[in-house]
Structures are given as structure tokens and as C-alpha cells.
Protein backbone atom coordinates (compact mmCIF):
# COMPACT_ATOMS: atom_id res chain seq x y z
CA MET A 1 55.87 -69.81 -20.10
CA PRO A 2 57.45 -68.76 -16.83
CA LEU A 3 55.28 -66.26 -14.81
CA ASP A 4 57.91 -65.05 -12.38
CA GLU A 5 58.38 -61.72 -14.19
CA PHE A 6 54.64 -61.01 -14.13
CA SER A 7 54.40 -61.97 -10.44
CA GLU A 8 57.24 -59.57 -9.57
CA MET A 9 55.57 -56.78 -11.57
CA LEU A 10 52.20 -57.34 -9.85
CA SER A 11 53.88 -57.43 -6.45
CA GLY A 12 55.72 -54.18 -7.17
CA PHE A 13 52.49 -52.54 -8.35
CA ALA A 14 50.67 -53.65 -5.17
CA TRP A 15 53.38 -52.12 -2.96
CA MET A 16 53.39 -48.92 -5.04
CA ALA A 17 49.57 -48.62 -4.74
CA LEU A 18 49.74 -49.31 -1.00
CA LEU A 19 52.36 -46.62 -0.44
CA ALA A 20 50.87 -44.07 -2.86
CA SER A 21 47.26 -44.34 -1.64
CA PRO A 22 47.71 -42.12 1.49
CA VAL A 23 49.50 -39.49 -0.57
CA LEU A 24 46.75 -39.52 -3.18
CA LEU A 25 44.09 -39.31 -0.45
CA LEU A 26 45.83 -36.30 1.10
CA LEU A 27 46.14 -34.60 -2.28
CA ALA A 28 42.49 -35.34 -3.10
CA SER A 29 41.35 -34.01 0.29
CA ALA A 30 43.39 -30.84 -0.10
CA GLY A 31 42.09 -30.31 -3.64
CA GLY A 32 38.49 -30.95 -2.57
CA TYR A 33 38.84 -28.56 0.37
CA TRP A 34 40.28 -25.86 -1.90
CA MET A 35 37.55 -26.34 -4.50
CA SER A 36 34.76 -26.35 -1.87
CA ARG A 37 36.12 -23.17 -0.24
CA ARG A 38 36.29 -21.50 -3.61
CA ALA A 39 32.77 -22.65 -4.49
CA LEU A 40 31.33 -21.56 -1.13
CA ALA A 41 33.17 -18.24 -0.94
CA PRO A 42 30.20 -16.37 -2.51
CA VAL A 43 27.95 -17.92 0.14
CA ASP A 44 30.18 -16.48 2.86
CA VAL A 45 30.06 -13.09 1.17
CA ILE A 46 26.25 -13.25 0.98
CA THR A 47 26.04 -14.34 4.63
CA ARG A 48 28.25 -11.50 5.86
CA ALA A 49 26.48 -8.89 3.73
CA ALA A 50 23.04 -10.10 4.82
CA GLY A 51 24.17 -10.00 8.46
CA GLU A 52 25.24 -6.37 8.12
CA ILE A 53 21.84 -5.26 6.78
CA GLU A 54 19.67 -4.05 9.65
CA ALA A 55 16.18 -2.65 9.95
CA LYS A 56 17.63 0.84 10.48
CA ASP A 57 19.46 0.70 7.15
CA LEU A 58 17.92 -1.46 4.44
CA SER A 59 19.52 0.50 1.63
CA GLN A 60 22.51 -1.88 1.39
CA ARG A 61 22.45 -4.57 -1.27
CA LEU A 62 24.29 -7.81 -1.96
CA ALA A 63 26.93 -7.81 -4.67
CA THR A 64 26.06 -9.62 -7.89
CA LEU A 65 28.75 -10.85 -10.29
CA GLY A 66 26.51 -11.26 -13.31
CA THR A 67 27.50 -14.91 -13.74
CA GLY A 68 23.89 -16.04 -13.89
CA ASP A 69 24.50 -19.07 -11.66
CA GLU A 70 22.30 -20.12 -8.75
CA LEU A 71 24.14 -17.97 -6.19
CA ASP A 72 23.92 -14.92 -8.42
CA GLN A 73 20.19 -15.51 -8.82
CA LEU A 74 19.89 -15.91 -5.04
CA SER A 75 21.62 -12.55 -4.53
CA ALA A 76 19.27 -10.91 -7.02
CA LYS A 77 16.22 -12.38 -5.27
CA LEU A 78 17.48 -11.28 -1.86
CA ASN A 79 18.15 -7.78 -3.19
CA GLY A 80 14.58 -7.64 -4.44
CA MET A 81 13.32 -8.75 -1.03
CA PHE A 82 15.46 -6.14 0.73
CA GLY A 83 14.14 -3.51 -1.65
CA ARG A 84 10.53 -4.39 -0.83
CA LEU A 85 11.30 -4.42 2.89
CA ASP A 86 13.04 -1.06 2.59
CA ASP A 87 10.02 0.40 0.82
CA SER A 88 7.65 -1.05 3.45
CA PHE A 89 9.74 0.30 6.34
CA ARG A 90 9.89 3.73 4.72
CA ARG A 91 6.12 3.76 4.24
CA ILE A 92 5.53 2.69 7.84
CA ALA A 93 7.92 5.35 9.14
CA GLN A 94 6.32 8.03 6.96
CA PHE A 95 2.84 6.87 7.92
CA THR A 96 3.71 7.03 11.63
CA ALA A 97 5.24 10.48 11.26
CA ASP A 98 2.25 11.79 9.31
CA ALA A 99 -0.24 10.27 11.76
CA SER A 100 1.63 11.83 14.68
CA HIS A 101 1.64 15.19 12.93
CA GLU A 102 -2.08 15.03 12.18
CA LEU A 103 -2.90 14.01 15.76
CA ARG A 104 -0.63 16.64 17.29
CA THR A 105 -2.64 19.59 16.01
CA PRO A 106 -6.08 18.74 17.44
CA VAL A 107 -4.56 17.46 20.70
CA SER A 108 -2.59 20.69 21.06
CA ILE A 109 -5.71 22.76 20.39
CA ILE A 110 -7.69 20.79 22.98
CA ARG A 111 -4.96 21.18 25.60
CA THR A 112 -4.31 24.85 24.87
CA THR A 113 -8.02 25.72 24.93
CA ALA A 114 -8.47 23.98 28.27
CA GLU A 115 -5.35 25.59 29.79
CA VAL A 116 -6.26 29.10 28.63
CA THR A 117 -9.86 28.70 29.78
CA LEU A 118 -8.71 27.65 33.27
CA THR A 119 -6.30 30.57 33.76
CA ARG A 120 -9.09 32.72 35.17
CA ALA A 121 -12.80 32.73 35.77
CA ARG A 122 -14.86 32.89 32.59
CA SER A 123 -18.42 33.72 31.73
CA GLN A 124 -20.86 30.98 30.82
CA HIS A 125 -20.68 32.05 27.18
CA GLU A 126 -16.88 31.78 27.17
CA TYR A 127 -16.99 28.34 28.80
CA ALA A 128 -19.54 27.16 26.25
CA LYS A 129 -17.40 28.49 23.38
CA ALA A 130 -14.31 26.68 24.73
CA LEU A 131 -16.24 23.44 25.17
CA ARG A 132 -17.58 23.66 21.62
CA GLN A 133 -14.05 24.07 20.30
CA ILE A 134 -12.83 21.13 22.40
CA LEU A 135 -15.75 19.01 21.18
CA SER A 136 -15.06 19.92 17.55
CA GLU A 137 -11.39 18.96 17.80
CA SER A 138 -12.29 15.80 19.72
CA GLU A 139 -14.63 14.75 16.93
CA ARG A 140 -11.92 15.47 14.37
CA THR A 141 -9.44 13.37 16.35
CA THR A 142 -11.96 10.53 16.68
CA ALA A 143 -12.57 10.55 12.93
CA LEU A 144 -8.83 10.36 12.25
CA ILE A 145 -8.35 7.50 14.73
CA ASP A 146 -11.27 5.60 13.18
CA ASP A 147 -9.70 5.96 9.71
CA LEU A 148 -6.31 4.82 11.01
CA MET A 149 -7.87 1.79 12.70
CA LEU A 150 -9.72 0.91 9.51
CA LEU A 151 -6.51 1.02 7.50
CA ALA A 152 -4.65 -0.95 10.16
CA ARG A 153 -7.31 -3.70 10.12
CA SER A 154 -7.19 -3.72 6.34
CA ASP A 155 -3.40 -4.13 6.37
CA ALA A 156 -3.73 -6.97 8.88
CA SER A 157 -6.46 -8.63 6.75
CA GLU A 158 -8.87 -8.51 9.68
CA GLU A 159 -11.78 -7.15 7.66
CA ASN A 160 -13.72 -10.41 7.37
CA ALA A 161 -17.25 -9.15 6.86
CA PRO A 162 -19.27 -11.67 4.81
CA LEU A 163 -19.59 -10.86 1.13
CA GLU A 164 -23.18 -10.89 -0.06
CA PRO A 165 -24.92 -9.92 -3.31
CA VAL A 166 -25.20 -6.14 -3.43
CA ASP A 167 -27.08 -4.06 -5.98
CA LEU A 168 -24.38 -1.51 -6.77
CA ALA A 169 -26.78 0.67 -8.76
CA GLU A 170 -29.24 1.01 -5.88
CA LEU A 171 -26.39 1.53 -3.41
CA THR A 172 -24.94 4.31 -5.58
CA ARG A 173 -28.28 6.08 -5.91
CA ASN A 174 -28.81 5.93 -2.14
CA ALA A 175 -25.29 7.28 -1.53
CA CYS A 176 -25.98 10.15 -3.95
CA GLU A 177 -29.12 11.06 -2.04
CA ASP A 178 -27.08 11.23 1.16
CA ALA A 179 -24.41 13.36 -0.53
CA ARG A 180 -26.77 15.86 -2.17
CA LEU A 181 -26.71 18.08 0.90
CA LEU A 182 -22.93 18.42 0.63
CA ALA A 183 -23.21 19.06 -3.11
CA ALA A 184 -25.88 21.69 -2.55
CA GLY A 185 -23.45 23.66 -0.39
CA LYS A 186 -21.39 24.31 -3.55
CA SER A 187 -24.37 24.40 -5.94
CA LEU A 188 -23.26 21.15 -7.57
CA ASP A 189 -25.53 18.74 -9.44
CA LEU A 190 -25.20 14.98 -8.91
CA THR A 191 -26.36 12.76 -11.76
CA VAL A 192 -26.35 8.97 -12.05
CA THR A 193 -26.47 7.36 -15.49
CA GLY A 194 -25.99 3.88 -16.85
CA GLY A 195 -27.46 0.49 -16.02
CA TYR A 196 -30.13 0.03 -13.39
CA SER A 197 -29.06 -3.53 -12.57
CA CYS A 198 -25.49 -3.95 -11.42
CA SER A 199 -24.88 -6.65 -8.83
CA VAL A 200 -21.60 -7.45 -7.09
CA ARG A 201 -20.61 -9.58 -4.11
CA GLY A 202 -19.37 -7.44 -1.27
CA ASP A 203 -19.81 -5.76 2.08
CA TYR A 204 -22.68 -3.28 1.72
CA GLU A 205 -21.39 -0.76 4.29
CA ALA A 206 -17.84 -0.86 2.93
CA LEU A 207 -19.01 -0.35 -0.66
CA ARG A 208 -21.29 2.47 0.45
CA ARG A 209 -18.35 4.16 2.14
CA LEU A 210 -16.31 3.69 -1.06
CA VAL A 211 -18.94 5.50 -3.14
CA LEU A 212 -19.32 8.28 -0.56
CA ILE A 213 -15.54 8.80 -0.42
CA LEU A 214 -15.36 9.20 -4.21
CA ILE A 215 -18.35 11.55 -4.27
CA ASP A 216 -16.99 13.59 -1.35
CA ASN A 217 -13.61 13.82 -3.09
CA ALA A 218 -15.28 15.04 -6.28
CA ILE A 219 -17.30 17.63 -4.35
CA LYS A 220 -14.23 18.98 -2.56
CA TYR A 221 -12.28 19.62 -5.74
CA SER A 222 -15.09 20.78 -8.04
CA TYR A 223 -15.80 24.36 -8.93
CA ALA A 224 -18.98 25.82 -7.47
CA GLY A 225 -21.96 25.56 -9.80
CA GLY A 226 -20.61 22.58 -11.72
CA ASN A 227 -21.78 18.98 -11.89
CA ILE A 228 -20.60 15.54 -10.87
CA GLN A 229 -21.50 12.55 -13.00
CA LEU A 230 -21.69 8.95 -11.83
CA TYR A 231 -21.86 6.20 -14.42
CA LEU A 232 -22.69 2.54 -13.82
CA GLY A 233 -21.96 -0.12 -16.39
CA SER A 234 -20.02 -3.30 -17.02
CA GLN A 235 -16.72 -4.23 -18.61
CA ALA A 236 -15.76 -7.58 -20.10
CA SER A 237 -12.74 -9.20 -18.47
CA GLY A 238 -11.89 -12.59 -19.92
CA LYS A 239 -14.74 -14.99 -19.32
CA ARG A 240 -16.28 -12.81 -16.59
CA ASN A 241 -17.75 -9.35 -16.50
CA ARG A 242 -16.84 -6.65 -14.03
CA ALA A 243 -19.10 -3.97 -12.65
CA LEU A 244 -17.93 -0.47 -13.56
CA LEU A 245 -18.46 2.66 -11.49
CA GLU A 246 -17.13 6.01 -12.71
CA VAL A 247 -17.18 9.24 -10.73
CA ARG A 248 -16.38 12.22 -12.94
CA ASP A 249 -15.92 15.81 -11.85
CA HIS A 250 -14.99 18.96 -13.75
CA GLY A 251 -12.87 20.55 -11.07
CA ILE A 252 -9.27 21.56 -10.62
CA GLY A 253 -7.84 18.18 -11.63
CA ILE A 254 -4.56 16.56 -10.58
CA ARG A 255 -1.08 17.25 -11.84
CA PRO A 256 0.65 14.37 -13.69
CA ASP A 257 3.43 14.30 -11.08
CA ASP A 258 0.87 13.72 -8.32
CA LEU A 259 -1.19 10.99 -10.01
CA PRO A 260 1.07 8.04 -9.00
CA ARG A 261 0.90 9.05 -5.33
CA ILE A 262 -2.70 10.08 -4.72
CA PHE A 263 -3.54 6.76 -3.03
CA GLU A 264 -0.70 7.12 -0.51
CA ARG A 265 -1.79 7.79 3.05
CA PHE A 266 -1.70 11.44 4.15
CA TYR A 267 -0.45 12.49 0.72
CA ARG A 268 -1.64 15.94 -0.33
CA VAL A 269 -1.38 16.72 -4.02
CA SER A 270 -0.86 20.42 -3.47
CA LYS A 271 -0.08 22.60 -0.49
CA ASP A 272 -2.48 25.32 -1.66
CA ARG A 273 -5.15 22.73 -2.32
CA SER A 274 -4.63 21.18 1.11
CA ARG A 275 -5.15 24.47 2.88
CA ARG A 276 -8.45 25.07 1.17
CA VAL A 277 -9.83 21.55 1.61
CA ASP A 278 -10.54 19.87 4.92
CA GLY A 279 -9.44 16.27 5.42
CA PHE A 280 -6.56 14.06 6.43
CA GLY A 281 -5.51 12.63 3.07
CA LEU A 282 -6.78 9.16 3.99
CA GLY A 283 -9.97 8.95 1.94
CA LEU A 284 -8.50 7.59 -1.26
CA SER A 285 -6.28 5.18 0.68
CA ILE A 286 -9.38 3.78 2.38
CA ALA A 287 -11.18 3.60 -0.96
CA GLN A 288 -8.31 1.66 -2.49
CA SER A 289 -8.18 -0.77 0.45
CA ILE A 290 -11.93 -1.43 0.10
CA VAL A 291 -11.61 -2.08 -3.63
CA VAL A 292 -8.63 -4.41 -3.17
CA ARG A 293 -10.46 -6.33 -0.44
CA HIS A 294 -13.31 -6.92 -2.90
CA GLY A 295 -10.93 -8.23 -5.56
CA GLY A 296 -11.25 -5.19 -7.80
CA GLU A 297 -9.12 -2.29 -8.94
CA ILE A 298 -9.39 1.49 -8.91
CA GLN A 299 -8.05 3.73 -11.65
CA VAL A 300 -7.82 7.47 -12.08
CA GLU A 301 -7.51 9.79 -15.04
CA SER A 302 -7.12 13.52 -14.64
CA LEU A 303 -6.29 16.65 -16.54
CA GLU A 304 -5.13 19.62 -14.51
CA GLY A 305 -7.73 22.36 -14.63
CA ALA A 306 -10.31 20.16 -16.39
CA GLY A 307 -11.31 17.56 -13.79
CA SER A 308 -10.79 13.93 -12.83
CA VAL A 309 -12.49 10.59 -13.29
CA PHE A 310 -12.15 7.75 -10.80
CA ARG A 311 -12.98 4.33 -12.21
CA VAL A 312 -13.78 1.35 -9.95
CA LEU A 313 -13.93 -2.18 -11.37
CA LEU A 314 -15.41 -4.95 -9.21
CA PRO A 315 -16.12 -8.61 -10.05
CA ALA A 316 -19.75 -8.92 -11.01
CA ALA A 317 -21.91 -11.32 -8.98
């Protein structure tokens, strides 16, 4: 059969393909560019929105379309990160403001006392009285600075004291003996019940300070003539046991609205209560940081007007 017709058709097809290829390439490039721009448009939106969020204003959030795709999930994750950063910045700003406020009072008293004392000649008794007041405020300022430095080191994970086996029962009894003088000032009884063998791995001095903070807190907010009960025991947690320490008082208690915030630094649960009780509002924050550093948790239950119980759970040795 003659093949001329097929040869002409193949030749025409080759010329058509040769001429149409550039056009098809241009169309494909334009279509790909349009599709890529459309696909990457949300990325540009995220980039611009993230660039507008600054440390001074972390309240802004990225828009989410609810499509559930990878970019939408990325926006949700970034919003969560911005939310945590916003909360951290707010806490730092509040912490700085509260620390400045607490430091301003004793520094002002020290300066004012010195200035007034130097306005004219004073008797030896007046000089001694002024110096005692300056010393008292200096000691108060030093205590506050020590607490702030402890919390700062805890936040920076610089508390690297070696963890050794500690008899929590013996430590608690020794701490109670040291605190009995404070309790006697309000005619309070301190009692320790529960197991006599309760070992944990930890820093002895830090755990001792934890127990003293909880006892001191119970003494401050207990009614005169009452009692404070400490209980030592254990609690099963999966395959391991945890040492349990409870400090229970029968004092004024804590309002339900204040319970979620009592471990915040400088937080005072009541203005009236703050005026009657000395302190900076850092004790429970320090206690919580000690417990967290030892891999445990601290809980609180309270009924206003009936008392509170603080419960510390630490991994048993």
C-alpha cells in the first residue's frame, strides 16, 4: 500500500507539535505561576501577620480559615505559641512591677529616715532608734531580694544541687521543732502524724524550706488557739509510690476565686488579709518551684472560714 498519505500526516503533526510547543509551555508556565501564587497566598498572609506582631503587643493573632489543611494547622500552632508568649510577657511585666513596688517601700523608708535624722542634731537615743529602723527595713529588703534571686535561679534552671536520699519524716519533725516558737506566739499546736519512714530523693535544705513555708503559711492564717496538723504518708501512682505531705490548718481559708492564683508571685488573696499578715506573697511561689524541681506536684483545698490543706506529692526514693 502507498505510504505517502501517512508520511504527509506525520510530517504535518511534527510541524504542528514544533509550533505549538512554545505556546503550550507559556500556557503551562502561566497556569503554574497562578496556581503557586494562589497556593502560597496564605503563607504571605501568615508572614505579614507574624511580622506585625511585636513584643509590645502580642495580643494579635493569625487568621484561620477552618480548612484543616497544613497551613491552617500552622496558623493554629503559631497562635498557641503567641498566646503562651503573651502570657509569659504579661507575667514578667507584672512580676517586675510588683517587685519594684515591694522594693520601693523599704527603700523609701530607709532614705526618709536617714534624711529626717540628718536635718538636725539628735540625741544618742534618737540616732539609735533611726538606725534600728534602717536595719529592720534593710533586713526586709535583703529577704525580698534573696527570694527574688531564688525564683530567678529556679526559672533559669540553675538550681543544680545534688539530689540525695532524704528522710522526709525526720525533716518534717525537725522543721516543726523550729516552727514551734512561731506557733506558740499564737497559741497554736503543731502535730505530726502518719508514717515514720518516708524517704525521697531531693535537696535537704530546699525541702526543709518547703516544709517551713507551708507551716509558716498555716500559722499566719490560723486563728489563735487552734491547731495545725501535718500528715506524712504515701500515695500509689502507677508502678511507683509517691511520698505525701499534708499541712492542714483550721483558719480563715481561701475564697474559690483566689484558689487558682495563690501560687502567683506577689499575689495577695485579700486586701484585708494582706494588711494583717506580713510577707511579700512569694512563699507559695517558692514552695511550688521547689516541688516542681523535685518532680512532684503541690495541691490545695480550702473552704473559706474553715481552713486549708496543702498537699505535696514527691517521688519516693
